[in-house]
Amino acid sequence: MTTTNAITVGATDIEDQRASFSNYGKCVDLFAPGVDFPSLWMGGDFAVNTISGTSMSCPHVSGAAVIARSNDPTLEAAEVKAKILKDATPDVVKNPGPESPNLMLYIP
């Protein structure tokens, strides 16, 4: 089963280079930062670890979806996705990979 409303995200580093571990190709809708993020971690109330992954990119896109929906609560899922893709910055991802959209998340 597929859903056309899902937003699939690849990861980039601080220089907008596609991360070596990131997916690419037609399965990716856009890219978002995903390398070297400090994150809360297990081991104590103040434990932090610097981690990388599309699991770091996804919260950026989720946040963009929340902002889009809060700015216009009438938006349906497909419209939120369309807005995020429309707002994305084109042609800044270095080496996005074959058949990948060269779109970087941008939250206006």
PDB file of N, CA and C in Angstrom:
ATOM      1  N   MET A   1       0.836  -1.179   0.000  1.00  0.00           N
ATOM      2  CA  MET A   1       0.000   0.000   0.000  1.00  0.00           C
ATOM      3  C   MET A   1       0.881   1.243   0.000  1.00  0.00           C
ATOM      4  N   THR A   2       0.529   2.221  -0.779  1.00  0.00           N
ATOM      5  CA  THR A   2       1.253   3.492  -0.814  1.00  0.00           C
ATOM      6  C   THR A   2       0.320   4.627  -0.462  1.00  0.00           C
ATOM      7  N   THR A   3       0.941   5.672  -0.004  1.00  0.00           N
ATOM      8  CA  THR A   3       0.177   6.889   0.245  1.00  0.00           C
ATOM      9  C   THR A   3       0.858   8.039  -0.478  1.00  0.00           C
ATOM     10  N   THR A   4       0.089   8.782  -1.210  1.00  0.00           N
ATOM     11  CA  THR A   4       0.659   9.918  -1.946  1.00  0.00           C
ATOM     12  C   THR A   4       0.847  11.124  -1.042  1.00  0.00           C
ATOM     13  N   ASN A   5       0.272  11.082   0.163  1.00  0.00           N
ATOM     14  CA  ASN A   5       0.402  12.215   1.079  1.00  0.00           C
ATOM     15  C   ASN A   5       1.654  12.161   1.942  1.00  0.00           C
ATOM     16  N   ALA A   6       2.352  11.028   1.945  1.00  0.00           N
ATOM     17  CA  ALA A   6       3.591  10.924   2.720  1.00  0.00           C
ATOM     18  C   ALA A   6       4.647  11.842   2.117  1.00  0.00           C
ATOM     19  N   ILE A   7       5.467  12.415   2.983  1.00  0.00           N
ATOM     20  CA  ILE A   7       6.580  13.246   2.530  1.00  0.00           C
ATOM     21  C   ILE A   7       7.852  12.475   2.859  1.00  0.00           C
ATOM     22  N   THR A   8       8.594  12.098   1.830  1.00  0.00           N
ATOM     23  CA  THR A   8       9.817  11.334   2.041  1.00  0.00           C
ATOM     24  C   THR A   8      11.007  12.291   1.987  1.00  0.00           C
ATOM     25  N   VAL A   9      11.942  12.088   2.893  1.00  0.00           N
ATOM     26  CA  VAL A   9      13.017  13.067   3.064  1.00  0.00           C
ATOM     27  C   VAL A   9      14.384  12.389   3.055  1.00  0.00           C
ATOM     28  N   GLY A  10      15.321  13.030   2.370  1.00  0.00           N
ATOM     29  CA  GLY A  10      16.719  12.635   2.412  1.00  0.00           C
ATOM     30  C   GLY A  10      17.465  13.596   3.323  1.00  0.00           C
ATOM     31  N   ALA A  11      18.693  13.244   3.667  1.00  0.00           N
ATOM     32  CA  ALA A  11      19.475  14.039   4.621  1.00  0.00           C
ATOM     33  C   ALA A  11      20.643  14.739   3.942  1.00  0.00           C
ATOM     34  N   THR A  12      20.942  15.939   4.447  1.00  0.00           N
ATOM     35  CA  THR A  12      22.115  16.697   3.993  1.00  0.00           C
ATOM     36  C   THR A  12      22.941  17.114   5.198  1.00  0.00           C
ATOM     37  N   ASP A  13      24.188  17.509   4.899  1.00  0.00           N
ATOM     38  CA  ASP A  13      25.055  18.010   5.960  1.00  0.00           C
ATOM     39  C   ASP A  13      25.022  19.541   5.982  1.00  0.00           C
ATOM     40  N   ILE A  14      25.877  20.138   6.791  1.00  0.00           N
ATOM     41  CA  ILE A  14      25.872  21.592   6.985  1.00  0.00           C
ATOM     42  C   ILE A  14      26.233  22.365   5.709  1.00  0.00           C
ATOM     43  N   GLU A  15      26.856  21.675   4.758  1.00  0.00           N
ATOM     44  CA  GLU A  15      27.217  22.317   3.485  1.00  0.00           C
ATOM     45  C   GLU A  15      26.259  21.943   2.357  1.00  0.00           C
ATOM     46  N   ASP A  16      25.102  21.412   2.706  1.00  0.00           N
ATOM     47  CA  ASP A  16      24.056  21.021   1.753  1.00  0.00           C
ATOM     48  C   ASP A  16      24.473  19.872   0.843  1.00  0.00           C
ATOM     49  N   GLN A  17      25.430  19.079   1.283  1.00  0.00           N
ATOM     50  CA  GLN A  17      25.846  17.872   0.567  1.00  0.00           C
ATOM     51  C   GLN A  17      24.947  16.724   1.010  1.00  0.00           C
ATOM     52  N   ARG A  18      24.440  15.929   0.047  1.00  0.00           N
ATOM     53  CA  ARG A  18      23.658  14.763   0.439  1.00  0.00           C
ATOM     54  C   ARG A  18      24.518  13.874   1.319  1.00  0.00           C
ATOM     55  N   ALA A  19      23.976  13.454   2.432  1.00  0.00           N
ATOM     56  CA  ALA A  19      24.691  12.592   3.356  1.00  0.00           C
ATOM     57  C   ALA A  19      24.933  11.226   2.709  1.00  0.00           C
ATOM     58  N   SER A  20      26.078  10.647   3.019  1.00  0.00           N
ATOM     59  CA  SER A  20      26.447   9.365   2.403  1.00  0.00           C
ATOM     60  C   SER A  20      25.433   8.261   2.709  1.00  0.00           C
ATOM     61  N   PHE A  21      24.752   8.352   3.829  1.00  0.00           N
ATOM     62  CA  PHE A  21      23.802   7.315   4.250  1.00  0.00           C
ATOM     63  C   PHE A  21      22.386   7.563   3.734  1.00  0.00           C
ATOM     64  N   SER A  22      22.161   8.704   3.107  1.00  0.00           N
ATOM     65  CA  SER A  22      20.807   9.107   2.738  1.00  0.00           C
ATOM     66  C   SER A  22      20.288   8.367   1.507  1.00  0.00           C
ATOM     67  N   ASN A  23      19.000   8.082   1.523  1.00  0.00           N
ATOM     68  CA  ASN A  23      18.349   7.616   0.305  1.00  0.00           C
ATOM     69  C   ASN A  23      18.398   8.714  -0.740  1.00  0.00           C
ATOM     70  N   TYR A  24      18.195   8.322  -1.971  1.00  0.00           N
ATOM     71  CA  TYR A  24      18.120   9.274  -3.069  1.00  0.00           C
ATOM     72  C   TYR A  24      17.287   8.631  -4.168  1.00  0.00           C
ATOM     73  N   GLY A  25      16.970   9.410  -5.167  1.00  0.00           N
ATOM     74  CA  GLY A  25      16.204   8.904  -6.298  1.00  0.00           C
ATOM     75  C   GLY A  25      14.744   9.314  -6.230  1.00  0.00           C
ATOM     76  N   LYS A  26      13.934   8.626  -7.029  1.00  0.00           N
ATOM     77  CA  LYS A  26      12.515   8.949  -7.137  1.00  0.00           C
ATOM     78  C   LYS A  26      11.758   8.768  -5.825  1.00  0.00           C
ATOM     79  N   CYS A  27      12.318   7.996  -4.890  1.00  0.00           N
ATOM     80  CA  CYS A  27      11.625   7.743  -3.623  1.00  0.00           C
ATOM     81  C   CYS A  27      11.732   8.922  -2.660  1.00  0.00           C
ATOM     82  N   VAL A  28      12.537   9.939  -2.991  1.00  0.00           N
ATOM     83  CA  VAL A  28      12.743  11.093  -2.114  1.00  0.00           C
ATOM     84  C   VAL A  28      11.952  12.290  -2.657  1.00  0.00           C
ATOM     85  N   ASP A  29      11.237  12.986  -1.771  1.00  0.00           N
ATOM     86  CA  ASP A  29      10.510  14.198  -2.161  1.00  0.00           C
ATOM     87  C   ASP A  29      11.365  15.450  -2.031  1.00  0.00           C
ATOM     88  N   LEU A  30      12.170  15.518  -0.974  1.00  0.00           N
ATOM     89  CA  LEU A  30      13.036  16.664  -0.731  1.00  0.00           C
ATOM     90  C   LEU A  30      14.084  16.292   0.301  1.00  0.00           C
ATOM     91  N   PHE A  31      15.023  17.194   0.526  1.00  0.00           N
ATOM     92  CA  PHE A  31      16.098  16.990   1.489  1.00  0.00           C
ATOM     93  C   PHE A  31      15.964  17.984   2.636  1.00  0.00           C
ATOM     94  N   ALA A  32      16.513  17.603   3.788  1.00  0.00           N
ATOM     95  CA  ALA A  32      16.541  18.462   4.968  1.00  0.00           C
ATOM     96  C   ALA A  32      17.801  18.127   5.767  1.00  0.00           C
ATOM     97  N   PRO A  33      18.252  19.048   6.623  1.00  0.00           N
ATOM     98  CA  PRO A  33      19.452  18.787   7.432  1.00  0.00           C
ATOM     99  C   PRO A  33      19.302  17.506   8.251  1.00  0.00           C
ATOM    100  N   GLY A  34      20.399  16.734   8.307  1.00  0.00           N
ATOM    101  CA  GLY A  34      20.330  15.486   9.051  1.00  0.00           C
ATOM    102  C   GLY A  34      21.663  14.956   9.562  1.00  0.00           C
ATOM    103  N   VAL A  35      22.680  15.806   9.598  1.00  0.00           N
ATOM    104  CA  VAL A  35      24.008  15.347  10.019  1.00  0.00           C
ATOM    105  C   VAL A  35      24.482  16.142  11.231  1.00  0.00           C
ATOM    106  N   ASP A  36      24.962  15.430  12.238  1.00  0.00           N
ATOM    107  CA  ASP A  36      25.580  16.021  13.435  1.00  0.00           C
ATOM    108  C   ASP A  36      24.639  16.903  14.250  1.00  0.00           C
ATOM    109  N   PHE A  37      23.510  16.318  14.652  1.00  0.00           N
ATOM    110  CA  PHE A  37      22.565  17.051  15.492  1.00  0.00           C
ATOM    111  C   PHE A  37      22.657  16.599  16.938  1.00  0.00           C
ATOM    112  N   PRO A  38      22.839  17.556  17.862  1.00  0.00           N
ATOM    113  CA  PRO A  38      22.771  17.190  19.276  1.00  0.00           C
ATOM    114  C   PRO A  38      21.331  16.809  19.616  1.00  0.00           C
ATOM    115  N   SER A  39      21.184  15.713  20.312  1.00  0.00           N
ATOM    116  CA  SER A  39      19.858  15.234  20.657  1.00  0.00           C
ATOM    117  C   SER A  39      19.875  14.693  22.086  1.00  0.00           C
ATOM    118  N   LEU A  40      18.756  14.813  22.757  1.00  0.00           N
ATOM    119  CA  LEU A  40      18.650  14.195  24.079  1.00  0.00           C
ATOM    120  C   LEU A  40      18.957  12.713  23.946  1.00  0.00           C
ATOM    121  N   TRP A  41      19.496  12.140  25.009  1.00  0.00           N
ATOM    122  CA  TRP A  41      19.953  10.759  24.927  1.00  0.00           C
ATOM    123  C   TRP A  41      19.693  10.046  26.240  1.00  0.00           C
ATOM    124  N   MET A  42      19.787   8.748  26.211  1.00  0.00           N
ATOM    125  CA  MET A  42      19.597   7.974  27.437  1.00  0.00           C
ATOM    126  C   MET A  42      20.836   8.101  28.318  1.00  0.00           C
ATOM    127  N   GLY A  43      20.662   7.875  29.588  1.00  0.00           N
ATOM    128  CA  GLY A  43      21.799   7.891  30.491  1.00  0.00           C
ATOM    129  C   GLY A  43      21.759   8.993  31.526  1.00  0.00           C
ATOM    130  N   GLY A  44      20.718   9.778  31.537  1.00  0.00           N
ATOM    131  CA  GLY A  44      20.609  10.829  32.537  1.00  0.00           C
ATOM    132  C   GLY A  44      19.697  11.942  32.067  1.00  0.00           C
ATOM    133  N   ASP A  45      19.319  12.769  33.019  1.00  0.00           N
ATOM    134  CA  ASP A  45      18.389  13.853  32.719  1.00  0.00           C
ATOM    135  C   ASP A  45      18.954  14.874  31.731  1.00  0.00           C
ATOM    136  N   PHE A  46      20.277  14.985  31.662  1.00  0.00           N
ATOM    137  CA  PHE A  46      20.898  15.974  30.799  1.00  0.00           C
ATOM    138  C   PHE A  46      21.803  15.338  29.746  1.00  0.00           C
ATOM    139  N   ALA A  47      21.626  14.048  29.500  1.00  0.00           N
ATOM    140  CA  ALA A  47      22.461  13.335  28.529  1.00  0.00           C
ATOM    141  C   ALA A  47      22.148  13.811  27.112  1.00  0.00           C
ATOM    142  N   VAL A  48      23.197  14.025  26.343  1.00  0.00           N
ATOM    143  CA  VAL A  48      23.082  14.478  24.956  1.00  0.00           C
ATOM    144  C   VAL A  48      24.041  13.652  24.114  1.00  0.00           C
ATOM    145  N   ASN A  49      23.638  13.373  22.905  1.00  0.00           N
ATOM    146  CA  ASN A  49      24.505  12.689  21.952  1.00  0.00           C
ATOM    147  C   ASN A  49      24.351  13.380  20.612  1.00  0.00           C
ATOM    148  N   THR A  50      25.429  13.477  19.845  1.00  0.00           N
ATOM    149  CA  THR A  50      25.357  14.051  18.510  1.00  0.00           C
ATOM    150  C   THR A  50      25.161  12.901  17.534  1.00  0.00           C
ATOM    151  N   ILE A  51      24.046  12.943  16.806  1.00  0.00           N
ATOM    152  CA  ILE A  51      23.703  11.845  15.914  1.00  0.00           C
ATOM    153  C   ILE A  51      23.332  12.363  14.531  1.00  0.00           C
ATOM    154  N   SER A  52      23.341  11.450  13.570  1.00  0.00           N
ATOM    155  CA  SER A  52      23.012  11.774  12.188  1.00  0.00           C
ATOM    156  C   SER A  52      22.035  10.738  11.653  1.00  0.00           C
ATOM    157  N   GLY A  53      21.242  11.145  10.696  1.00  0.00           N
ATOM    158  CA  GLY A  53      20.330  10.218  10.035  1.00  0.00           C
ATOM    159  C   GLY A  53      19.134  10.945   9.460  1.00  0.00           C
ATOM    160  N   THR A  54      18.415  10.248   8.611  1.00  0.00           N
ATOM    161  CA  THR A  54      17.168  10.835   8.123  1.00  0.00           C
ATOM    162  C   THR A  54      16.189  10.971   9.283  1.00  0.00           C
ATOM    163  N   SER A  55      16.462  10.259  10.372  1.00  0.00           N
ATOM    164  CA  SER A  55      15.644  10.425  11.580  1.00  0.00           C
ATOM    165  C   SER A  55      15.865  11.801  12.200  1.00  0.00           C
ATOM    166  N   MET A  56      16.903  12.496  11.806  1.00  0.00           N
ATOM    167  CA  MET A  56      17.119  13.883  12.219  1.00  0.00           C
ATOM    168  C   MET A  56      16.500  14.843  11.192  1.00  0.00           C
ATOM    169  N   SER A  57      16.418  14.410   9.946  1.00  0.00           N
ATOM    170  CA  SER A  57      15.809  15.235   8.888  1.00  0.00           C
ATOM    171  C   SER A  57      14.292  15.274   9.000  1.00  0.00           C
ATOM    172  N   CYS A  58      13.708  14.147   9.347  1.00  0.00           N
ATOM    173  CA  CYS A  58      12.241  14.050   9.412  1.00  0.00           C
ATOM    174  C   CYS A  58      11.593  15.051  10.370  1.00  0.00           C
ATOM    175  N   PRO A  59      12.168  15.295  11.561  1.00  0.00           N
ATOM    176  CA  PRO A  59      11.534  16.283  12.440  1.00  0.00           C
ATOM    177  C   PRO A  59      11.509  17.699  11.839  1.00  0.00           C
ATOM    178  N   HIS A  60      12.493  18.023  11.015  1.00  0.00           N
ATOM    179  CA  HIS A  60      12.467  19.325  10.341  1.00  0.00           C
ATOM    180  C   HIS A  60      11.235  19.420   9.436  1.00  0.00           C
ATOM    181  N   VAL A  61      10.998  18.365   8.665  1.00  0.00           N
ATOM    182  CA  VAL A  61       9.855  18.357   7.749  1.00  0.00           C
ATOM    183  C   VAL A  61       8.544  18.303   8.528  1.00  0.00           C
ATOM    184  N   SER A  62       8.518  17.537   9.604  1.00  0.00           N
ATOM    185  CA  SER A  62       7.313  17.493  10.445  1.00  0.00           C
ATOM    186  C   SER A  62       7.001  18.870  11.017  1.00  0.00           C
ATOM    187  N   GLY A  63       8.043  19.572  11.444  1.00  0.00           N
ATOM    188  CA  GLY A  63       7.857  20.929  11.953  1.00  0.00           C
ATOM    189  C   GLY A  63       7.310  21.859  10.885  1.00  0.00           C
ATOM    190  N   ALA A  64       7.815  21.719   9.665  1.00  0.00           N
ATOM    191  CA  ALA A  64       7.303  22.537   8.559  1.00  0.00           C
ATOM    192  C   ALA A  64       5.824  22.248   8.318  1.00  0.00           C
ATOM    193  N   ALA A  65       5.445  20.976   8.431  1.00  0.00           N
ATOM    194  CA  ALA A  65       4.035  20.607   8.246  1.00  0.00           C
ATOM    195  C   ALA A  65       3.160  21.217   9.335  1.00  0.00           C
ATOM    196  N   VAL A  66       3.644  21.187  10.555  1.00  0.00           N
ATOM    197  CA  VAL A  66       2.890  21.773  11.675  1.00  0.00           C
ATOM    198  C   VAL A  66       2.724  23.278  11.475  1.00  0.00           C
ATOM    199  N   ILE A  67       3.795  23.946  11.069  1.00  0.00           N
ATOM    200  CA  ILE A  67       3.723  25.392  10.842  1.00  0.00           C
ATOM    201  C   ILE A  67       2.746  25.703   9.709  1.00  0.00           C
ATOM    202  N   ALA A  68       2.835  24.951   8.606  1.00  0.00           N
ATOM    203  CA  ALA A  68       1.924  25.183   7.480  1.00  0.00           C
ATOM    204  C   ALA A  68       0.478  25.010   7.912  1.00  0.00           C
ATOM    205  N   ARG A  69       0.215  23.955   8.656  1.00  0.00           N
ATOM    206  CA  ARG A  69      -1.156  23.679   9.095  1.00  0.00           C
ATOM    207  C   ARG A  69      -1.633  24.704  10.123  1.00  0.00           C
ATOM    208  N   SER A  70      -0.743  25.163  10.998  1.00  0.00           N
ATOM    209  CA  SER A  70      -1.157  26.152  11.996  1.00  0.00           C
ATOM    210  C   SER A  70      -1.429  27.502  11.340  1.00  0.00           C
ATOM    211  N   ASN A  71      -0.719  27.796  10.251  1.00  0.00           N
ATOM    212  CA  ASN A  71      -0.976  29.040   9.520  1.00  0.00           C
ATOM    213  C   ASN A  71      -2.273  28.978   8.721  1.00  0.00           C
ATOM    214  N   ASP A  72      -2.686  27.771   8.337  1.00  0.00           N
ATOM    215  CA  ASP A  72      -3.928  27.588   7.603  1.00  0.00           C
ATOM    216  C   ASP A  72      -4.540  26.238   7.997  1.00  0.00           C
ATOM    217  N   PRO A  73      -5.351  26.236   9.056  1.00  0.00           N
ATOM    218  CA  PRO A  73      -5.933  24.986   9.559  1.00  0.00           C
ATOM    219  C   PRO A  73      -6.846  24.269   8.571  1.00  0.00           C
ATOM    220  N   THR A  74      -7.208  24.915   7.467  1.00  0.00           N
ATOM    221  CA  THR A  74      -8.081  24.259   6.481  1.00  0.00           C
ATOM    222  C   THR A  74      -7.304  23.357   5.531  1.00  0.00           C
ATOM    223  N   LEU A  75      -5.973  23.409   5.561  1.00  0.00           N
ATOM    224  CA  LEU A  75      -5.178  22.602   4.641  1.00  0.00           C
ATOM    225  C   LEU A  75      -5.348  21.110   4.912  1.00  0.00           C
ATOM    226  N   GLU A  76      -5.572  20.356   3.862  1.00  0.00           N
ATOM    227  CA  GLU A  76      -5.604  18.893   3.932  1.00  0.00           C
ATOM    228  C   GLU A  76      -4.174  18.379   3.762  1.00  0.00           C
ATOM    229  N   ALA A  77      -3.964  17.101   4.033  1.00  0.00           N
ATOM    230  CA  ALA A  77      -2.616  16.516   3.978  1.00  0.00           C
ATOM    231  C   ALA A  77      -1.931  16.745   2.631  1.00  0.00           C
ATOM    232  N   ALA A  78      -2.639  16.529   1.545  1.00  0.00           N
ATOM    233  CA  ALA A  78      -2.048  16.717   0.215  1.00  0.00           C
ATOM    234  C   ALA A  78      -1.647  18.179  -0.015  1.00  0.00           C
ATOM    235  N   GLU A  79      -2.427  19.095   0.539  1.00  0.00           N
ATOM    236  CA  GLU A  79      -2.118  20.521   0.395  1.00  0.00           C
ATOM    237  C   GLU A  79      -0.908  20.913   1.237  1.00  0.00           C
ATOM    238  N   VAL A  80      -0.762  20.310   2.400  1.00  0.00           N
ATOM    239  CA  VAL A  80       0.423  20.562   3.235  1.00  0.00           C
ATOM    240  C   VAL A  80       1.663  20.092   2.496  1.00  0.00           C
ATOM    241  N   LYS A  81       1.606  18.888   1.947  1.00  0.00           N
ATOM    242  CA  LYS A  81       2.745  18.370   1.177  1.00  0.00           C
ATOM    243  C   LYS A  81       3.060  19.282   0.003  1.00  0.00           C
ATOM    244  N   ALA A  82       2.046  19.685  -0.739  1.00  0.00           N
ATOM    245  CA  ALA A  82       2.256  20.564  -1.896  1.00  0.00           C
ATOM    246  C   ALA A  82       2.898  21.883  -1.480  1.00  0.00           C
ATOM    247  N   LYS A  83       2.477  22.445  -0.358  1.00  0.00           N
ATOM    248  CA  LYS A  83       3.052  23.704   0.124  1.00  0.00           C
ATOM    249  C   LYS A  83       4.520  23.525   0.489  1.00  0.00           C
ATOM    250  N   ILE A  84       4.828  22.450   1.197  1.00  0.00           N
ATOM    251  CA  ILE A  84       6.218  22.203   1.592  1.00  0.00           C
ATOM    252  C   ILE A  84       7.106  22.058   0.356  1.00  0.00           C
ATOM    253  N   LEU A  85       6.631  21.336  -0.643  1.00  0.00           N
ATOM    254  CA  LEU A  85       7.422  21.158  -1.866  1.00  0.00           C
ATOM    255  C   LEU A  85       7.521  22.451  -2.664  1.00  0.00           C
ATOM    256  N   LYS A  86       6.457  23.234  -2.674  1.00  0.00           N
ATOM    257  CA  LYS A  86       6.474  24.516  -3.383  1.00  0.00           C
ATOM    258  C   LYS A  86       7.434  25.496  -2.714  1.00  0.00           C
ATOM    259  N   ASP A  87       7.491  25.492  -1.380  1.00  0.00           N
ATOM    260  CA  ASP A  87       8.347  26.416  -0.635  1.00  0.00           C
ATOM    261  C   ASP A  87       9.823  26.000  -0.639  1.00  0.00           C
ATOM    262  N   ALA A  88      10.107  24.748  -0.977  1.00  0.00           N
ATOM    263  CA  ALA A  88      11.484  24.237  -0.936  1.00  0.00           C
ATOM    264  C   ALA A  88      12.376  25.024  -1.898  1.00  0.00           C
ATOM    265  N   THR A  89      13.637  25.140  -1.525  1.00  0.00           N
ATOM    266  CA  THR A  89      14.621  25.842  -2.356  1.00  0.00           C
ATOM    267  C   THR A  89      15.199  24.859  -3.373  1.00  0.00           C
ATOM    268  N   PRO A  90      15.111  25.196  -4.673  1.00  0.00           N
ATOM    269  CA  PRO A  90      15.638  24.283  -5.686  1.00  0.00           C
ATOM    270  C   PRO A  90      17.143  24.459  -5.905  1.00  0.00           C
ATOM    271  N   ASP A  91      17.766  23.380  -6.358  1.00  0.00           N
ATOM    272  CA  ASP A  91      19.138  23.407  -6.887  1.00  0.00           C
ATOM    273  C   ASP A  91      20.215  23.838  -5.901  1.00  0.00           C
ATOM    274  N   VAL A  92      20.080  23.498  -4.627  1.00  0.00           N
ATOM    275  CA  VAL A  92      21.146  23.798  -3.657  1.00  0.00           C
ATOM    276  C   VAL A  92      21.788  22.531  -3.073  1.00  0.00           C
ATOM    277  N   VAL A  93      21.144  21.381  -3.238  1.00  0.00           N
ATOM    278  CA  VAL A  93      21.696  20.138  -2.697  1.00  0.00           C
ATOM    279  C   VAL A  93      22.840  19.689  -3.601  1.00  0.00           C
ATOM    280  N   LYS A  94      24.012  19.520  -3.005  1.00  0.00           N
ATOM    281  CA  LYS A  94      25.170  19.058  -3.759  1.00  0.00           C
ATOM    282  C   LYS A  94      25.093  17.536  -3.867  1.00  0.00           C
ATOM    283  N   ASN A  95      25.178  17.036  -5.089  1.00  0.00           N
ATOM    284  CA  ASN A  95      25.113  15.608  -5.377  1.00  0.00           C
ATOM    285  C   ASN A  95      23.856  14.961  -4.782  1.00  0.00           C
ATOM    286  N   PRO A  96      22.684  15.408  -5.205  1.00  0.00           N
ATOM    287  CA  PRO A  96      21.457  14.825  -4.653  1.00  0.00           C
ATOM    288  C   PRO A  96      21.270  13.352  -5.019  1.00  0.00           C
ATOM    289  N   GLY A  97      21.988  12.884  -6.027  1.00  0.00           N
ATOM    290  CA  GLY A  97      21.867  11.497  -6.458  1.00  0.00           C
ATOM    291  C   GLY A  97      20.985  11.395  -7.685  1.00  0.00           C
ATOM    292  N   PRO A  98      21.187  10.344  -8.463  1.00  0.00           N
ATOM    293  CA  PRO A  98      20.407  10.166  -9.694  1.00  0.00           C
ATOM    294  C   PRO A  98      18.910  10.142  -9.436  1.00  0.00           C
ATOM    295  N   GLU A  99      18.198  10.870 -10.259  1.00  0.00           N
ATOM    296  CA  GLU A  99      16.730  10.930 -10.248  1.00  0.00           C
ATOM    297  C   GLU A  99      16.141  11.540  -8.981  1.00  0.00           C
ATOM    298  N   SER A 100      16.967  12.187  -8.174  1.00  0.00           N
ATOM    299  CA  SER A 100      16.468  12.856  -6.961  1.00  0.00           C
ATOM    300  C   SER A 100      15.994  14.258  -7.302  1.00  0.00           C
ATOM    301  N   PRO A 101      14.955  14.722  -6.617  1.00  0.00           N
ATOM    302  CA  PRO A 101      14.603  16.130  -6.766  1.00  0.00           C
ATOM    303  C   PRO A 101      15.655  16.948  -6.017  1.00  0.00           C
ATOM    304  N   ASN A 102      16.131  18.004  -6.629  1.00  0.00           N
ATOM    305  CA  ASN A 102      17.108  18.849  -5.945  1.00  0.00           C
ATOM    306  C   ASN A 102      16.335  19.950  -5.228  1.00  0.00           C
ATOM    307  N   LEU A 103      15.714  19.565  -4.129  1.00  0.00           N
ATOM    308  CA  LEU A 103      14.895  20.478  -3.318  1.00  0.00           C
ATOM    309  C   LEU A 103      15.346  20.398  -1.873  1.00  0.00           C
ATOM    310  N   MET A 104      15.601  21.567  -1.277  1.00  0.00           N
ATOM    311  CA  MET A 104      15.979  21.649   0.135  1.00  0.00           C
ATOM    312  C   MET A 104      14.826  22.278   0.905  1.00  0.00           C
ATOM    313  N   LEU A 105      14.472  21.668   1.998  1.00  0.00           N
ATOM    314  CA  LEU A 105      13.414  22.202   2.846  1.00  0.00           C
ATOM    315  C   LEU A 105      13.661  23.666   3.154  1.00  0.00           C
ATOM    316  N   TYR A 106      12.622  24.467   3.014  1.00  0.00           N
ATOM    317  CA  TYR A 106      12.673  25.884   3.395  1.00  0.00           C
ATOM    318  C   TYR A 106      11.342  26.200   4.071  1.00  0.00           C
ATOM    319  N   ILE A 107      11.427  26.810   5.243  1.00  0.00           N
ATOM    320  CA  ILE A 107      10.222  27.178   5.980  1.00  0.00           C
ATOM    321  C   ILE A 107      10.148  28.699   5.983  1.00  0.00           C
ATOM    322  N   PRO A 108       9.211  29.248   5.177  1.00  0.00           N
ATOM    323  CA  PRO A 108       9.127  30.728   5.109  1.00  0.00           C
ATOM    324  C   PRO A 108       8.558  31.332   6.388  1.00  0.00           C
TER     325      PRO A 108
END
